[in-house]
Amino acid sequence: MSGNADGSARERRGRRAADDAPANVRLSQAALELFSQKGFHATGIREIGAHAGVSTSMLYHYLSSKDEALSDLVLEGLSRHGQALENACAIVDRPEERLAALIGVHIIIPVKHPQMGQLLQQELHARDWSDHPAISGQRARTNRLWTGVLTSGQEEGVFTFGSASLARIALMRSTTLVTQWYKAGGALGLDAVTAQFADLALGTVRARRDGRPLRFDDLEAPSVDRLVEVVEDAHRDVWW
């Protein structure tokens, strides 16, 4: 069977699986696809219903507004992301290893889940989420995790930098827009990209141990394969 035929068969199977899903799941799937492709403001709520195959008469039974759809998606994606970050930090011991784990998860998640990665990159910073306690609380929790890793490294004399908040922002923003530049099958695979970004992060905080600069290859853990497992565990039952 040709590659095109294989792709067409997979697409038909995917459509059948989506058609069999409950209406609320189909609406969430449609909202994620449209928001990630077109953006929130360019997508209408009735367009979400049509894309999901849900009639207008039933649409508002499941979904009151596209704002509700967006906030539900952002919270779910952000919560899974936060869980993966915490789990990744839990499998290593040293601050330099935890920093590499944080950077690795930030790279791996949008590669493995590009639509959700695109949505979070587009919409998370595009509006003020302070009126949504669950989303703002999850963001604060993630920021505290990053700050804790950075300050512990600084206190141990492994990291050298000025402001922990500025270092955190610089490192977190360095991994944004992954879905726009990463290409599967490109010159650099996921292992190489993750390792190079970890190297950049360690360089940013001037990580040193025993008088020598630290690089990703110097660390006993985590491996990229192990970080992929952590990400997959945190997303094991998601529908996207």
Protein backbone atom coordinates (compact mmCIF):
# COMPACT_ATOMS: atom_id res chain seq x y z
CA MET A 1 0.00 0.00 0.00
CA SER A 2 1.35 3.46 -0.89
CA GLY A 3 2.17 6.15 1.68
CA ASN A 4 -0.78 8.26 0.51
CA ALA A 5 -3.14 5.31 0.86
CA ASP A 6 -1.82 4.64 4.37
CA GLY A 7 -2.39 8.26 5.30
CA SER A 8 -5.92 8.24 3.88
CA ALA A 9 -6.77 5.08 5.81
CA ARG A 10 -5.48 6.59 9.07
CA GLU A 11 -7.46 9.75 8.41
CA ARG A 12 -10.67 7.75 7.84
CA ARG A 13 -10.10 5.77 11.04
CA GLY A 14 -9.46 9.00 12.93
CA ARG A 15 -12.71 10.49 11.62
CA ARG A 16 -14.67 7.39 12.63
CA ALA A 17 -13.16 7.49 16.14
CA ALA A 18 -14.06 11.19 16.45
CA ASP A 19 -17.61 10.53 15.18
CA ASP A 20 -18.06 7.84 17.83
CA ALA A 21 -16.97 10.14 20.68
CA PRO A 22 -19.57 11.82 22.95
CA ALA A 23 -20.73 15.25 21.84
CA ASN A 24 -18.90 17.08 24.62
CA VAL A 25 -15.61 15.42 23.63
CA ARG A 26 -16.18 16.18 19.94
CA LEU A 27 -16.80 19.83 20.83
CA SER A 28 -13.58 19.99 22.84
CA GLN A 29 -11.69 18.35 19.98
CA ALA A 30 -13.17 20.80 17.49
CA ALA A 31 -12.41 23.80 19.70
CA LEU A 32 -8.80 22.71 20.18
CA GLU A 33 -8.29 22.15 16.46
CA LEU A 34 -9.87 25.46 15.43
CA PHE A 35 -8.31 27.56 18.20
CA SER A 36 -4.85 26.15 17.53
CA GLN A 37 -5.16 26.64 13.75
CA LYS A 38 -7.11 29.90 13.45
CA GLY A 39 -6.84 31.48 16.87
CA PHE A 40 -9.53 32.10 19.47
CA HIS A 41 -10.85 35.38 18.06
CA ALA A 42 -11.19 34.06 14.51
CA THR A 43 -13.29 31.09 15.64
CA GLY A 44 -17.04 31.28 16.30
CA ILE A 45 -18.96 29.06 18.68
CA ARG A 46 -21.30 27.84 15.93
CA GLU A 47 -18.24 27.00 13.83
CA ILE A 48 -17.07 24.79 16.70
CA GLY A 49 -20.46 23.06 16.70
CA ALA A 50 -20.44 22.52 12.95
CA HIS A 51 -16.87 21.21 13.05
CA ALA A 52 -17.86 18.77 15.79
CA GLY A 53 -21.02 17.65 13.97
CA VAL A 54 -23.24 18.96 16.79
CA SER A 55 -26.44 20.72 15.79
CA THR A 56 -27.03 24.31 16.87
CA SER A 57 -30.06 23.21 18.90
CA MET A 58 -27.82 20.88 20.96
CA LEU A 59 -24.66 23.02 20.96
CA TYR A 60 -25.58 25.29 23.88
CA HIS A 61 -26.64 22.29 25.95
CA TYR A 62 -22.97 21.32 26.11
CA LEU A 63 -21.16 24.62 25.64
CA SER A 64 -22.30 28.02 26.87
CA SER A 65 -19.60 30.06 25.09
CA LYS A 66 -16.31 29.75 23.28
CA ASP A 67 -14.68 31.41 26.31
CA GLU A 68 -15.76 28.41 28.34
CA ALA A 69 -14.27 26.07 25.74
CA LEU A 70 -10.98 27.96 25.78
CA SER A 71 -10.64 28.13 29.57
CA ASP A 72 -11.43 24.41 29.90
CA LEU A 73 -8.78 23.54 27.32
CA VAL A 74 -6.15 25.85 28.80
CA LEU A 75 -6.73 24.49 32.30
CA GLU A 76 -6.53 20.88 31.15
CA GLY A 77 -3.38 21.44 29.08
CA LEU A 78 -1.71 23.53 31.76
CA SER A 79 -2.52 21.01 34.50
CA ARG A 80 -1.05 18.13 32.50
CA HIS A 81 2.01 20.21 31.73
CA GLY A 82 2.45 21.10 35.39
CA GLN A 83 2.08 17.47 36.46
CA ALA A 84 4.76 16.41 33.97
CA LEU A 85 7.13 19.11 35.28
CA GLU A 86 6.64 18.01 38.89
CA ASN A 87 7.06 14.33 38.04
CA ALA A 88 10.21 15.05 36.04
CA CYS A 89 11.78 16.92 38.95
CA ALA A 90 10.87 14.07 41.30
CA ILE A 91 12.97 11.50 39.41
CA VAL A 92 16.27 13.39 39.81
CA ASP A 93 18.22 14.74 42.79
CA ARG A 94 20.51 17.63 41.90
CA PRO A 95 19.43 21.15 40.88
CA GLU A 96 21.24 20.94 37.55
CA GLU A 97 19.37 17.71 36.79
CA ARG A 98 16.05 19.30 37.76
CA LEU A 99 16.77 22.28 35.51
CA ALA A 100 17.50 19.94 32.60
CA ALA A 101 14.27 18.06 33.40
CA LEU A 102 12.21 21.26 33.35
CA ILE A 103 13.67 22.37 30.03
CA GLY A 104 13.23 18.89 28.56
CA VAL A 105 9.55 18.71 29.48
CA HIS A 106 8.95 22.17 27.99
CA ILE A 107 10.42 20.92 24.69
CA ILE A 108 8.90 17.44 24.64
CA ILE A 109 5.26 18.28 25.43
CA PRO A 110 4.57 20.53 22.39
CA VAL A 111 6.42 18.05 20.15
CA LYS A 112 4.25 15.17 21.39
CA HIS A 113 1.04 17.23 21.65
CA PRO A 114 1.39 19.98 19.03
CA GLN A 115 -2.21 21.23 18.96
CA MET A 116 -2.35 21.75 22.73
CA GLY A 117 1.17 23.16 22.66
CA GLN A 118 0.15 25.65 19.98
CA LEU A 119 -2.97 26.64 21.89
CA LEU A 120 -1.10 27.28 25.14
CA GLN A 121 1.63 29.23 23.37
CA GLN A 122 -0.97 31.40 21.59
CA GLU A 123 -3.53 31.98 24.31
CA LEU A 124 -1.86 31.61 27.71
CA HIS A 125 -0.09 34.97 27.49
CA ALA A 126 -2.66 36.68 25.28
CA ARG A 127 -5.09 37.50 28.09
CA ASP A 128 -5.29 38.16 31.80
CA TRP A 129 -6.26 34.91 33.53
CA SER A 130 -6.37 36.41 37.02
CA ASP A 131 -10.17 36.04 37.08
CA HIS A 132 -9.79 32.28 36.59
CA PRO A 133 -8.41 30.98 39.94
CA ALA A 134 -7.65 27.46 38.73
CA ILE A 135 -5.58 28.65 35.75
CA SER A 136 -3.79 31.43 37.61
CA GLY A 137 -3.16 29.02 40.49
CA GLN A 138 -1.59 26.42 38.20
CA ARG A 139 0.61 29.05 36.59
CA ALA A 140 1.75 30.22 40.02
CA ARG A 141 2.50 26.63 41.04
CA THR A 142 4.66 26.11 37.94
CA ASN A 143 6.49 29.38 38.53
CA ARG A 144 7.21 28.35 42.14
CA LEU A 145 8.62 25.04 40.90
CA TRP A 146 11.00 26.80 38.53
CA THR A 147 12.01 29.36 41.14
CA GLY A 148 12.64 26.61 43.68
CA VAL A 149 14.95 24.75 41.32
CA LEU A 150 16.88 27.91 40.46
CA THR A 151 17.26 29.12 44.05
CA SER A 152 18.33 25.69 45.31
CA GLY A 153 21.06 25.62 42.67
CA GLN A 154 22.13 29.11 43.64
CA GLU A 155 22.22 28.23 47.34
CA GLU A 156 24.35 25.15 46.63
CA GLY A 157 26.80 27.28 44.65
CA VAL A 158 26.06 25.37 41.43
CA PHE A 159 24.23 28.21 39.65
CA THR A 160 25.32 31.82 39.37
CA PHE A 161 22.81 34.48 38.27
CA GLY A 162 21.27 37.71 39.51
CA SER A 163 17.48 37.66 39.69
CA ALA A 164 15.75 34.28 40.04
CA SER A 165 12.54 35.65 38.52
CA LEU A 166 14.40 37.08 35.51
CA ALA A 167 16.32 33.82 35.02
CA ARG A 168 13.05 31.88 35.25
CA ILE A 169 11.32 34.05 32.66
CA ALA A 170 14.28 33.87 30.27
CA LEU A 171 14.51 30.08 30.52
CA MET A 172 10.77 29.45 30.24
CA ARG A 173 10.41 31.77 27.26
CA SER A 174 13.40 30.18 25.51
CA THR A 175 11.27 27.11 24.79
CA THR A 176 8.20 28.90 23.43
CA LEU A 177 6.98 28.47 19.85
CA VAL A 178 8.36 24.92 19.66
CA THR A 179 5.47 23.86 17.42
CA GLN A 180 6.44 26.54 14.89
CA TRP A 181 10.03 25.49 14.35
CA TYR A 182 10.35 21.81 15.28
CA LYS A 183 9.97 19.39 12.38
CA ALA A 184 9.81 15.63 12.87
CA GLY A 185 12.42 14.02 10.66
CA GLY A 186 14.44 17.24 10.51
CA ALA A 187 18.19 17.58 10.76
CA LEU A 188 18.00 17.51 14.57
CA GLY A 189 15.89 14.90 16.32
CA LEU A 190 14.14 15.31 19.64
CA ASP A 191 17.12 13.96 21.61
CA ALA A 192 19.52 16.47 20.07
CA VAL A 193 17.14 19.43 20.42
CA THR A 194 16.40 18.62 24.06
CA ALA A 195 20.10 18.18 24.88
CA GLN A 196 21.07 21.46 23.20
CA PHE A 197 18.35 23.42 24.98
CA ALA A 198 19.44 21.88 28.29
CA ASP A 199 23.00 22.97 27.50
CA LEU A 200 21.76 26.50 26.82
CA ALA A 201 19.86 26.53 30.12
CA LEU A 202 22.87 25.33 32.10
CA GLY A 203 24.98 27.97 30.39
CA THR A 204 22.43 30.70 31.17
CA VAL A 205 22.73 30.03 34.92
CA ARG A 206 26.50 29.41 34.59
CA ALA A 207 26.13 25.95 36.09
CA ARG A 208 29.38 24.58 37.55
CA ARG A 209 30.29 21.69 39.79
CA ASP A 210 33.76 20.81 41.06
CA GLY A 211 35.13 23.86 39.27
CA ARG A 212 34.02 22.91 35.77
CA PRO A 213 31.07 24.00 33.62
CA LEU A 214 28.20 21.52 33.41
CA ARG A 215 26.65 20.27 30.20
CA PHE A 216 23.73 17.94 29.63
CA ASP A 217 26.04 15.03 28.75
CA ASP A 218 27.72 15.43 32.16
CA LEU A 219 24.51 14.71 34.05
CA GLU A 220 23.75 11.24 35.37
CA ALA A 221 20.03 11.88 34.82
CA PRO A 222 17.56 12.52 33.30
CA SER A 223 17.81 10.92 29.89
CA VAL A 224 15.59 12.24 27.11
CA ASP A 225 13.91 8.82 26.87
CA ARG A 226 13.02 8.97 30.57
CA LEU A 227 11.59 12.48 30.18
CA VAL A 228 9.47 11.28 27.26
CA GLU A 229 8.10 8.54 29.53
CA VAL A 230 7.25 11.12 32.20
CA VAL A 231 5.43 13.30 29.67
CA GLU A 232 3.51 10.32 28.29
CA ASP A 233 2.53 9.21 31.80
CA ALA A 234 1.13 12.67 32.59
CA HIS A 235 -0.87 12.63 29.33
CA ARG A 236 -1.79 8.94 29.24
CA ASP A 237 -5.58 9.33 29.22
CA VAL A 238 -5.95 12.61 27.32
CA TRP A 239 -8.03 12.71 24.13
CA TRP A 240 -5.90 15.22 22.23
